[in-house]
Amino acid sequence: MWEIAHDEKPGAKFERQVRSITHERLNLSSKTAGDPDFWRWLTFSSDGELAELVDWRYGEAEEAGSAKEKYFGFGKIKEGMYGYLWISADAVYDPTLEDQYELAKRGEDVDLWQSHIVRIDFGSVPQIARAFVKFVFPSEDEQQLSRDEYRRLAPELSRRNASMAYELMDEDACLAFIEEVWEERATWEN
């Protein structure tokens, strides 16, 4: 089914394009999205065609079946390819925008999405996830912070989550807070 050569793997570009499609087309309830069996079933449904795509994305060239099991959904939901793509889009989905997936299409940096939206669970508080993406990528192709910079900022925001109720802040307040934390970086960086 997938006629793309391994040497053409686009990685982050692929994820940028497929993240919103995965979320929109599946249109899942939170109960279904939280079911690890659903993600495994999805991966191996359709005669394994979706599993082939997982192997294409994460496997080694010329070595069928070489992708790690976790990418097929045998592990945490957020480590499986389809669960991860859905969660990352859901974290920044904004029903108030004309393009509700505008933020999901920003930046071609897998590290931002895997490590700093999904893994540290900003996705559980959409307004902080959306504000973080907006701060790092003010527009679709403009990056305000380098990878090194946002890698320093994200853990500081996680540390402050213990004393801040991000859930009670609206998106504008979250964005202002992130801007303030970044401006104060001399006080928390060593």
N, C-alpha and C. Protein backbone atom coordinates (compact mmCIF):
# COMPACT_ATOMS: atom_id res chain seq x y z
N MET A 1 0.81 -1.20 0.00
CA MET A 1 0.00 0.00 0.00
C MET A 1 0.85 1.26 0.00
N TRP A 2 1.87 1.30 0.82
CA TRP A 2 2.68 2.52 0.97
C TRP A 2 3.87 2.45 0.04
N GLU A 3 3.87 3.26 -0.96
CA GLU A 3 4.90 3.22 -2.00
C GLU A 3 5.95 4.31 -1.80
N ILE A 4 6.38 4.53 -0.58
CA ILE A 4 7.37 5.56 -0.29
C ILE A 4 8.64 4.85 0.13
N ALA A 5 9.73 5.15 -0.53
CA ALA A 5 11.01 4.52 -0.19
C ALA A 5 11.50 5.01 1.16
N HIS A 6 12.20 4.12 1.88
CA HIS A 6 12.72 4.47 3.20
C HIS A 6 13.61 5.70 3.17
N ASP A 7 14.39 5.88 2.11
CA ASP A 7 15.30 7.01 2.08
C ASP A 7 14.55 8.34 1.88
N GLU A 8 13.23 8.25 1.69
CA GLU A 8 12.42 9.46 1.54
C GLU A 8 11.65 9.76 2.81
N LYS A 9 11.92 9.04 3.92
CA LYS A 9 11.16 9.24 5.15
C LYS A 9 11.23 10.69 5.61
N PRO A 10 10.11 11.33 5.73
CA PRO A 10 10.12 12.73 6.13
C PRO A 10 10.04 12.97 7.63
N GLY A 11 9.84 11.95 8.46
CA GLY A 11 9.83 12.11 9.91
C GLY A 11 8.90 13.19 10.40
N ALA A 12 9.49 14.31 10.82
CA ALA A 12 8.71 15.40 11.41
C ALA A 12 7.72 15.99 10.42
N LYS A 13 8.09 16.07 9.17
CA LYS A 13 7.17 16.61 8.16
C LYS A 13 5.94 15.71 8.04
N PHE A 14 6.17 14.40 8.07
CA PHE A 14 5.07 13.44 8.04
C PHE A 14 4.15 13.66 9.24
N GLU A 15 4.72 13.75 10.43
CA GLU A 15 3.92 13.92 11.64
C GLU A 15 3.13 15.22 11.60
N ARG A 16 3.74 16.26 11.12
CA ARG A 16 3.08 17.56 11.03
C ARG A 16 1.82 17.47 10.16
N GLN A 17 1.91 16.71 9.09
CA GLN A 17 0.78 16.59 8.18
C GLN A 17 -0.27 15.60 8.67
N VAL A 18 0.15 14.55 9.34
CA VAL A 18 -0.76 13.46 9.70
C VAL A 18 -1.40 13.66 11.08
N ARG A 19 -0.79 14.42 11.94
CA ARG A 19 -1.30 14.62 13.30
C ARG A 19 -2.76 15.07 13.29
N SER A 20 -3.06 16.13 12.57
CA SER A 20 -4.43 16.65 12.56
C SER A 20 -5.39 15.72 11.82
N ILE A 21 -4.92 15.05 10.77
CA ILE A 21 -5.77 14.10 10.04
C ILE A 21 -6.17 12.95 10.95
N THR A 22 -5.22 12.44 11.71
CA THR A 22 -5.49 11.34 12.64
C THR A 22 -6.57 11.74 13.63
N HIS A 23 -6.44 12.90 14.22
CA HIS A 23 -7.39 13.37 15.23
C HIS A 23 -8.77 13.61 14.61
N GLU A 24 -8.78 14.31 13.51
CA GLU A 24 -10.06 14.68 12.88
C GLU A 24 -10.81 13.45 12.36
N ARG A 25 -10.12 12.57 11.68
CA ARG A 25 -10.79 11.41 11.08
C ARG A 25 -11.27 10.42 12.12
N LEU A 26 -10.49 10.25 13.19
CA LEU A 26 -10.90 9.29 14.21
C LEU A 26 -12.04 9.84 15.09
N ASN A 27 -12.00 11.14 15.40
CA ASN A 27 -13.07 11.78 16.18
C ASN A 27 -13.48 10.90 17.37
N LEU A 28 -12.54 10.62 18.25
CA LEU A 28 -12.74 9.68 19.35
C LEU A 28 -13.31 10.31 20.61
N SER A 29 -14.03 9.51 21.36
CA SER A 29 -14.42 9.90 22.71
C SER A 29 -13.19 9.73 23.60
N SER A 30 -13.18 10.37 24.75
CA SER A 30 -12.03 10.23 25.65
C SER A 30 -11.90 8.78 26.14
N LYS A 31 -13.03 8.09 26.28
CA LYS A 31 -12.98 6.69 26.73
C LYS A 31 -12.26 5.82 25.70
N THR A 32 -12.61 5.99 24.44
CA THR A 32 -11.96 5.20 23.38
C THR A 32 -10.49 5.59 23.25
N ALA A 33 -10.20 6.90 23.29
CA ALA A 33 -8.81 7.37 23.16
C ALA A 33 -7.94 6.84 24.29
N GLY A 34 -8.53 6.57 25.43
CA GLY A 34 -7.77 6.07 26.58
C GLY A 34 -7.67 4.56 26.66
N ASP A 35 -8.14 3.87 25.63
CA ASP A 35 -8.15 2.41 25.61
C ASP A 35 -6.97 1.89 24.79
N PRO A 36 -5.96 1.32 25.44
CA PRO A 36 -4.79 0.83 24.70
C PRO A 36 -5.14 -0.27 23.70
N ASP A 37 -6.18 -1.05 23.98
CA ASP A 37 -6.59 -2.10 23.04
C ASP A 37 -7.11 -1.50 21.73
N PHE A 38 -7.77 -0.34 21.82
CA PHE A 38 -8.24 0.31 20.60
C PHE A 38 -7.07 0.65 19.69
N TRP A 39 -6.00 1.21 20.27
CA TRP A 39 -4.85 1.64 19.45
C TRP A 39 -4.15 0.46 18.81
N ARG A 40 -4.05 -0.66 19.53
CA ARG A 40 -3.45 -1.86 18.93
C ARG A 40 -4.34 -2.39 17.81
N TRP A 41 -5.65 -2.42 18.07
CA TRP A 41 -6.58 -2.87 17.03
C TRP A 41 -6.45 -1.99 15.79
N LEU A 42 -6.44 -0.66 15.99
CA LEU A 42 -6.33 0.26 14.86
C LEU A 42 -5.07 -0.01 14.06
N THR A 43 -3.96 -0.17 14.74
CA THR A 43 -2.67 -0.38 14.08
C THR A 43 -2.68 -1.61 13.19
N PHE A 44 -3.34 -2.68 13.64
CA PHE A 44 -3.30 -3.94 12.88
C PHE A 44 -4.57 -4.21 12.08
N SER A 45 -5.50 -3.26 12.07
CA SER A 45 -6.70 -3.44 11.26
C SER A 45 -6.36 -3.23 9.79
N SER A 46 -7.32 -3.39 8.93
CA SER A 46 -7.13 -3.19 7.48
C SER A 46 -5.97 -4.03 6.95
N ASP A 47 -5.96 -5.29 7.33
CA ASP A 47 -4.92 -6.23 6.86
C ASP A 47 -3.51 -5.75 7.16
N GLY A 48 -3.34 -5.00 8.24
CA GLY A 48 -2.00 -4.57 8.65
C GLY A 48 -1.43 -3.39 7.90
N GLU A 49 -2.23 -2.74 7.07
CA GLU A 49 -1.71 -1.60 6.30
C GLU A 49 -1.23 -0.46 7.20
N LEU A 50 -1.94 -0.22 8.28
CA LEU A 50 -1.50 0.85 9.18
C LEU A 50 -0.24 0.45 9.94
N ALA A 51 -0.07 -0.83 10.19
CA ALA A 51 1.17 -1.31 10.82
C ALA A 51 2.34 -1.12 9.88
N GLU A 52 2.09 -1.30 8.58
CA GLU A 52 3.16 -1.06 7.60
C GLU A 52 3.63 0.39 7.64
N LEU A 53 2.70 1.29 7.85
CA LEU A 53 3.06 2.70 7.93
C LEU A 53 3.88 2.98 9.19
N VAL A 54 3.54 2.33 10.29
CA VAL A 54 4.34 2.46 11.52
C VAL A 54 5.76 1.97 11.25
N ASP A 55 5.87 0.83 10.59
CA ASP A 55 7.19 0.28 10.30
C ASP A 55 7.96 1.19 9.36
N TRP A 56 7.28 1.77 8.38
CA TRP A 56 7.92 2.71 7.47
C TRP A 56 8.45 3.92 8.24
N ARG A 57 7.64 4.44 9.18
CA ARG A 57 8.03 5.65 9.92
C ARG A 57 9.17 5.38 10.90
N TYR A 58 9.12 4.27 11.62
CA TYR A 58 10.08 4.04 12.70
C TYR A 58 11.08 2.91 12.46
N GLY A 59 10.87 2.09 11.44
CA GLY A 59 11.75 0.95 11.20
C GLY A 59 12.99 1.32 10.41
N GLU A 60 13.82 0.33 10.22
CA GLU A 60 15.05 0.49 9.45
C GLU A 60 14.77 0.16 7.98
N ALA A 61 15.44 0.86 7.09
CA ALA A 61 15.30 0.59 5.66
C ALA A 61 15.66 -0.86 5.37
N GLU A 62 14.92 -1.47 4.47
CA GLU A 62 15.17 -2.84 4.01
C GLU A 62 15.05 -3.88 5.11
N GLU A 63 14.45 -3.55 6.24
CA GLU A 63 14.30 -4.52 7.32
C GLU A 63 12.86 -4.47 7.83
N ALA A 64 11.97 -5.14 7.13
CA ALA A 64 10.55 -5.14 7.49
C ALA A 64 10.35 -5.62 8.93
N GLY A 65 9.47 -4.96 9.63
CA GLY A 65 9.17 -5.33 11.01
C GLY A 65 10.20 -4.88 12.01
N SER A 66 11.06 -3.95 11.66
CA SER A 66 12.15 -3.55 12.56
C SER A 66 11.79 -2.42 13.53
N ALA A 67 10.62 -1.82 13.39
CA ALA A 67 10.23 -0.76 14.33
C ALA A 67 10.02 -1.38 15.70
N LYS A 68 10.31 -0.63 16.75
CA LYS A 68 10.12 -1.11 18.12
C LYS A 68 8.64 -1.37 18.39
N GLU A 69 8.37 -2.36 19.22
CA GLU A 69 6.99 -2.75 19.54
C GLU A 69 6.16 -1.59 20.08
N LYS A 70 6.78 -0.72 20.84
CA LYS A 70 6.00 0.38 21.45
C LYS A 70 5.34 1.25 20.39
N TYR A 71 5.96 1.41 19.22
CA TYR A 71 5.38 2.24 18.17
C TYR A 71 4.12 1.61 17.56
N PHE A 72 3.99 0.29 17.71
CA PHE A 72 2.81 -0.42 17.22
C PHE A 72 1.67 -0.41 18.24
N GLY A 73 1.94 0.13 19.43
CA GLY A 73 0.90 0.20 20.46
C GLY A 73 1.06 -0.80 21.58
N PHE A 74 2.20 -1.47 21.64
CA PHE A 74 2.46 -2.42 22.73
C PHE A 74 3.25 -1.70 23.82
N GLY A 75 2.57 -0.92 24.60
CA GLY A 75 3.18 -0.11 25.65
C GLY A 75 2.23 1.02 25.99
N LYS A 76 2.77 2.13 26.35
CA LYS A 76 1.95 3.29 26.70
C LYS A 76 1.29 3.85 25.45
N ILE A 77 0.07 4.31 25.59
CA ILE A 77 -0.67 4.86 24.46
C ILE A 77 0.12 5.97 23.79
N LYS A 78 0.73 6.83 24.59
CA LYS A 78 1.42 7.99 24.01
C LYS A 78 2.74 7.63 23.33
N GLU A 79 3.16 6.38 23.40
CA GLU A 79 4.36 5.94 22.69
C GLU A 79 4.02 5.28 21.35
N GLY A 80 2.79 4.75 21.21
CA GLY A 80 2.37 4.17 19.94
C GLY A 80 2.17 5.28 18.93
N MET A 81 2.48 5.02 17.67
CA MET A 81 2.43 6.09 16.68
C MET A 81 1.06 6.75 16.59
N TYR A 82 0.01 5.97 16.48
CA TYR A 82 -1.31 6.57 16.29
C TYR A 82 -1.83 7.24 17.56
N GLY A 83 -1.58 6.64 18.70
CA GLY A 83 -1.97 7.27 19.97
C GLY A 83 -1.24 8.58 20.18
N TYR A 84 0.04 8.57 19.90
CA TYR A 84 0.86 9.79 20.03
C TYR A 84 0.37 10.90 19.09
N LEU A 85 0.11 10.53 17.83
CA LEU A 85 -0.37 11.54 16.88
C LEU A 85 -1.71 12.11 17.33
N TRP A 86 -2.61 11.25 17.80
CA TRP A 86 -3.92 11.72 18.25
C TRP A 86 -3.78 12.62 19.47
N ILE A 87 -3.00 12.19 20.45
CA ILE A 87 -2.82 12.98 21.68
C ILE A 87 -2.20 14.34 21.38
N SER A 88 -1.18 14.36 20.52
CA SER A 88 -0.53 15.63 20.23
C SER A 88 -1.47 16.60 19.54
N ALA A 89 -2.33 16.12 18.65
CA ALA A 89 -3.32 17.00 18.00
C ALA A 89 -4.39 17.42 18.99
N ASP A 90 -4.83 16.48 19.83
CA ASP A 90 -5.87 16.80 20.81
C ASP A 90 -5.40 17.86 21.80
N ALA A 91 -4.12 17.83 22.13
CA ALA A 91 -3.57 18.77 23.11
C ALA A 91 -3.67 20.21 22.64
N VAL A 92 -3.62 20.44 21.34
CA VAL A 92 -3.62 21.81 20.82
C VAL A 92 -4.84 22.11 19.93
N TYR A 93 -5.77 21.18 19.86
CA TYR A 93 -7.00 21.38 19.10
C TYR A 93 -7.73 22.60 19.66
N ASP A 94 -8.15 23.49 18.79
CA ASP A 94 -8.82 24.72 19.24
C ASP A 94 -10.08 24.94 18.42
N PRO A 95 -11.24 24.62 18.99
CA PRO A 95 -12.49 24.74 18.24
C PRO A 95 -12.88 26.19 17.93
N THR A 96 -12.19 27.16 18.51
CA THR A 96 -12.53 28.57 18.26
C THR A 96 -11.85 29.11 17.00
N LEU A 97 -10.88 28.39 16.45
CA LEU A 97 -10.16 28.86 15.27
C LEU A 97 -10.84 28.38 13.99
N GLU A 98 -10.68 29.14 12.93
CA GLU A 98 -11.21 28.72 11.63
C GLU A 98 -10.62 27.37 11.23
N ASP A 99 -9.29 27.25 11.33
CA ASP A 99 -8.63 25.96 11.16
C ASP A 99 -8.35 25.44 12.57
N GLN A 100 -9.19 24.56 13.04
CA GLN A 100 -9.10 24.08 14.42
C GLN A 100 -7.79 23.34 14.71
N TYR A 101 -7.07 22.97 13.67
CA TYR A 101 -5.80 22.25 13.81
C TYR A 101 -4.60 23.13 13.45
N GLU A 102 -4.80 24.42 13.43
CA GLU A 102 -3.72 25.34 13.06
C GLU A 102 -2.47 25.11 13.90
N LEU A 103 -2.62 24.97 15.19
CA LEU A 103 -1.45 24.80 16.07
C LEU A 103 -0.79 23.44 15.88
N ALA A 104 -1.56 22.43 15.53
CA ALA A 104 -0.99 21.09 15.31
C ALA A 104 -0.08 21.06 14.09
N LYS A 105 -0.19 22.06 13.24
CA LYS A 105 0.60 22.11 12.01
C LYS A 105 1.84 22.99 12.15
N ARG A 106 2.08 23.48 13.35
CA ARG A 106 3.25 24.36 13.54
C ARG A 106 4.49 23.55 13.88
N GLY A 107 5.56 23.94 13.25
CA GLY A 107 6.87 23.38 13.56
C GLY A 107 7.07 21.95 13.08
N GLU A 108 8.25 21.70 12.58
CA GLU A 108 8.64 20.35 12.16
C GLU A 108 9.72 19.83 13.10
N ASP A 109 9.39 19.80 14.37
CA ASP A 109 10.35 19.35 15.36
C ASP A 109 9.69 18.27 16.22
N VAL A 110 10.01 17.01 15.94
CA VAL A 110 9.42 15.89 16.65
C VAL A 110 9.69 16.01 18.15
N ASP A 111 10.86 16.49 18.53
CA ASP A 111 11.21 16.62 19.94
C ASP A 111 10.21 17.50 20.69
N LEU A 112 9.79 18.59 20.09
CA LEU A 112 8.83 19.48 20.74
C LEU A 112 7.56 18.71 21.08
N TRP A 113 7.04 17.96 20.11
CA TRP A 113 5.77 17.27 20.29
C TRP A 113 5.92 16.05 21.20
N GLN A 114 6.93 15.22 20.97
CA GLN A 114 7.08 14.00 21.78
C GLN A 114 7.47 14.30 23.21
N SER A 115 8.50 15.11 23.38
CA SER A 115 9.05 15.32 24.71
C SER A 115 8.39 16.43 25.51
N HIS A 116 7.88 17.44 24.83
CA HIS A 116 7.44 18.62 25.57
C HIS A 116 5.95 18.91 25.49
N ILE A 117 5.22 18.17 24.70
CA ILE A 117 3.76 18.27 24.71
C ILE A 117 3.18 16.96 25.24
N VAL A 118 3.54 15.84 24.65
CA VAL A 118 2.93 14.56 25.01
C VAL A 118 3.58 13.94 26.25
N ARG A 119 4.89 13.78 26.25
CA ARG A 119 5.55 13.05 27.35
C ARG A 119 5.42 13.76 28.69
N ILE A 120 5.62 15.07 28.74
CA ILE A 120 5.51 15.75 30.04
C ILE A 120 4.07 16.14 30.35
N ASP A 121 3.17 15.76 29.45
CA ASP A 121 1.74 15.83 29.69
C ASP A 121 1.17 17.24 29.73
N PHE A 122 1.76 18.18 28.97
CA PHE A 122 1.10 19.46 28.80
C PHE A 122 -0.25 19.24 28.12
N GLY A 123 -0.36 18.14 27.41
CA GLY A 123 -1.58 17.84 26.69
C GLY A 123 -2.80 17.68 27.57
N SER A 124 -2.59 17.40 28.86
CA SER A 124 -3.73 17.27 29.75
C SER A 124 -4.33 18.62 30.12
N VAL A 125 -3.63 19.69 29.82
CA VAL A 125 -4.14 21.05 30.03
C VAL A 125 -3.99 21.79 28.70
N PRO A 126 -5.01 21.72 27.86
CA PRO A 126 -4.89 22.26 26.50
C PRO A 126 -4.46 23.71 26.43
N GLN A 127 -4.89 24.55 27.36
CA GLN A 127 -4.53 25.96 27.26
C GLN A 127 -3.02 26.19 27.46
N ILE A 128 -2.35 25.41 28.30
CA ILE A 128 -0.91 25.58 28.46
C ILE A 128 -0.19 24.96 27.26
N ALA A 129 -0.71 23.84 26.73
CA ALA A 129 -0.11 23.22 25.54
C ALA A 129 -0.19 24.18 24.36
N ARG A 130 -1.36 24.77 24.14
CA ARG A 130 -1.53 25.70 23.02
C ARG A 130 -0.64 26.93 23.21
N ALA A 131 -0.58 27.45 24.42
CA ALA A 131 0.25 28.63 24.68
C ALA A 131 1.73 28.31 24.47
N PHE A 132 2.17 27.13 24.89
CA PHE A 132 3.57 26.73 24.71
C PHE A 132 3.91 26.64 23.23
N VAL A 133 3.04 26.00 22.44
CA VAL A 133 3.29 25.90 21.00
C VAL A 133 3.29 27.29 20.37
N LYS A 134 2.35 28.14 20.75
CA LYS A 134 2.30 29.51 20.21
C LYS A 134 3.56 30.29 20.57
N PHE A 135 4.08 30.07 21.77
CA PHE A 135 5.27 30.80 22.20
C PHE A 135 6.50 30.33 21.41
N VAL A 136 6.64 29.04 21.25
CA VAL A 136 7.79 28.50 20.53
C VAL A 136 7.67 28.78 19.03
N PHE A 137 6.46 28.61 18.49
CA PHE A 137 6.19 28.82 17.06
C PHE A 137 5.08 29.86 16.91
N PRO A 138 5.44 31.15 16.88
CA PRO A 138 4.42 32.20 16.76
C PRO A 138 3.56 32.09 15.49
N SER A 139 4.10 31.46 14.46
CA SER A 139 3.33 31.19 13.25
C SER A 139 3.77 29.83 12.72
N GLU A 140 3.12 29.38 11.66
CA GLU A 140 3.37 28.02 11.15
C GLU A 140 4.84 27.76 10.83
N ASP A 141 5.53 28.73 10.26
CA ASP A 141 6.91 28.51 9.85
C ASP A 141 7.92 29.39 10.57
N GLU A 142 7.52 30.02 11.65
CA GLU A 142 8.42 30.89 12.41
C GLU A 142 8.68 30.24 13.77
N GLN A 143 9.95 30.08 14.11
CA GLN A 143 10.33 29.49 15.38
C GLN A 143 11.02 30.55 16.22
N GLN A 144 10.43 30.86 17.38
CA GLN A 144 10.96 31.91 18.25
C GLN A 144 12.06 31.40 19.17
N LEU A 145 11.93 30.17 19.65
CA LEU A 145 12.94 29.58 20.53
C LEU A 145 13.63 28.42 19.82
N SER A 146 14.90 28.30 20.06
CA SER A 146 15.64 27.16 19.51
C SER A 146 15.27 25.91 20.31
N ARG A 147 15.67 24.75 19.81
CA ARG A 147 15.42 23.50 20.53
C ARG A 147 16.04 23.56 21.92
N ASP A 148 17.27 24.03 22.00
CA ASP A 148 17.93 24.12 23.30
C ASP A 148 17.16 25.04 24.25
N GLU A 149 16.64 26.14 23.74
CA GLU A 149 15.90 27.08 24.59
C GLU A 149 14.58 26.49 25.08
N TYR A 150 13.78 25.91 24.20
CA TYR A 150 12.51 25.37 24.69
C TYR A 150 12.73 24.13 25.55
N ARG A 151 13.85 23.43 25.36
CA ARG A 151 14.17 22.29 26.23
C ARG A 151 14.51 22.76 27.64
N ARG A 152 14.99 23.97 27.79
CA ARG A 152 15.24 24.53 29.12
C ARG A 152 13.96 25.10 29.72
N LEU A 153 13.11 25.67 28.89
CA LEU A 153 11.87 26.29 29.36
C LEU A 153 10.85 25.25 29.83
N ALA A 154 10.65 24.20 29.08
CA ALA A 154 9.60 23.21 29.40
C ALA A 154 9.74 22.61 30.80
N PRO A 155 10.94 22.18 31.22
CA PRO A 155 11.04 21.64 32.59
C PRO A 155 10.75 22.70 33.67
N GLU A 156 11.09 23.94 33.38
CA GLU A 156 10.78 25.01 34.35
C GLU A 156 9.27 25.19 34.47
N LEU A 157 8.57 25.12 33.36
CA LEU A 157 7.10 25.21 33.40
C LEU A 157 6.52 24.01 34.14
N SER A 158 7.11 22.84 33.96
CA SER A 158 6.66 21.65 34.69
C SER A 158 6.89 21.81 36.19
N ARG A 159 8.06 22.34 36.57
CA ARG A 159 8.34 22.56 38.00
C ARG A 159 7.32 23.52 38.61
N ARG A 160 6.97 24.55 37.87
CA ARG A 160 6.04 25.54 38.39
C ARG A 160 4.60 25.04 38.42
N ASN A 161 4.33 23.97 37.72
CA ASN A 161 2.98 23.41 37.73
C ASN A 161 2.58 22.95 39.13
N ALA A 162 3.57 22.63 39.96
CA ALA A 162 3.28 22.20 41.32
C ALA A 162 2.66 23.32 42.15
N SER A 163 2.97 24.56 41.80
CA SER A 163 2.43 25.69 42.57
C SER A 163 1.50 26.59 41.77
N MET A 164 1.29 26.26 40.52
CA MET A 164 0.39 27.04 39.66
C MET A 164 -0.74 26.13 39.19
N ALA A 165 -1.92 26.65 39.10
CA ALA A 165 -3.06 25.87 38.61
C ALA A 165 -3.30 26.24 37.15
N TYR A 166 -2.53 25.62 36.25
CA TYR A 166 -2.69 25.91 34.82
C TYR A 166 -4.12 25.66 34.36
N GLU A 167 -4.77 24.69 34.99
CA GLU A 167 -6.14 24.34 34.63
C GLU A 167 -7.11 25.51 34.84
N LEU A 168 -6.77 26.41 35.74
CA LEU A 168 -7.65 27.54 36.05
C LEU A 168 -7.33 28.79 35.23
N MET A 169 -6.25 28.74 34.46
CA MET A 169 -5.84 29.88 33.65
C MET A 169 -6.41 29.74 32.25
N ASP A 170 -6.78 30.86 31.63
CA ASP A 170 -7.18 30.77 30.22
C ASP A 170 -5.91 30.82 29.36
N GLU A 171 -6.09 30.64 28.07
CA GLU A 171 -4.93 30.55 27.17
C GLU A 171 -4.10 31.82 27.16
N ASP A 172 -4.74 32.99 27.18
CA ASP A 172 -4.00 34.25 27.20
C ASP A 172 -3.15 34.38 28.46
N ALA A 173 -3.72 33.97 29.59
CA ALA A 173 -2.97 34.01 30.86
C ALA A 173 -1.80 33.03 30.81
N CYS A 174 -2.01 31.87 30.22
CA CYS A 174 -0.92 30.89 30.09
C CYS A 174 0.20 31.44 29.22
N LEU A 175 -0.16 32.09 28.11
CA LEU A 175 0.85 32.65 27.21
C LEU A 175 1.62 33.77 27.93
N ALA A 176 0.92 34.63 28.64
CA ALA A 176 1.58 35.70 29.39
C ALA A 176 2.51 35.12 30.46
N PHE A 177 2.05 34.06 31.12
CA PHE A 177 2.86 33.41 32.14
C PHE A 177 4.14 32.82 31.53
N ILE A 178 4.01 32.14 30.41
CA ILE A 178 5.18 31.56 29.73
C ILE A 178 6.15 32.66 29.33
N GLU A 179 5.64 33.74 28.77
CA GLU A 179 6.50 34.87 28.39
C GLU A 179 7.25 35.41 29.60
N GLU A 180 6.56 35.54 30.73
CA GLU A 180 7.17 36.05 31.97
C GLU A 180 8.25 35.10 32.48
N VAL A 181 7.95 33.80 32.49
CA VAL A 181 8.94 32.81 32.93
C VAL A 181 10.18 32.87 32.04
N TRP A 182 9.98 32.99 30.74
CA TRP A 182 11.12 33.06 29.82
C TRP A 182 11.94 34.32 30.05
N GLU A 183 11.27 35.44 30.29
CA GLU A 183 11.99 36.69 30.55
C GLU A 183 12.79 36.62 31.85
N GLU A 184 12.32 35.84 32.80
CA GLU A 184 13.00 35.69 34.11
C GLU A 184 14.02 34.56 34.12
N ARG A 185 14.38 34.01 32.98
CA ARG A 185 15.22 32.82 32.93
C ARG A 185 16.55 33.00 33.64
N ALA A 186 17.05 34.18 33.75
CA ALA A 186 18.32 34.38 34.48
C ALA A 186 18.18 34.00 35.94
N THR A 187 16.97 34.05 36.47
CA THR A 187 16.76 33.72 37.90
C THR A 187 16.63 32.22 38.16
N TRP A 188 16.25 31.42 37.14
CA TRP A 188 16.08 30.00 37.36
C TRP A 188 17.07 29.13 36.60
N GLU A 189 17.85 29.70 35.68
CA GLU A 189 18.87 28.92 35.00
C GLU A 189 20.20 29.06 35.75
N ASN A 190 20.92 27.98 35.77
CA ASN A 190 22.26 28.01 36.42
C ASN A 190 23.30 27.62 35.42
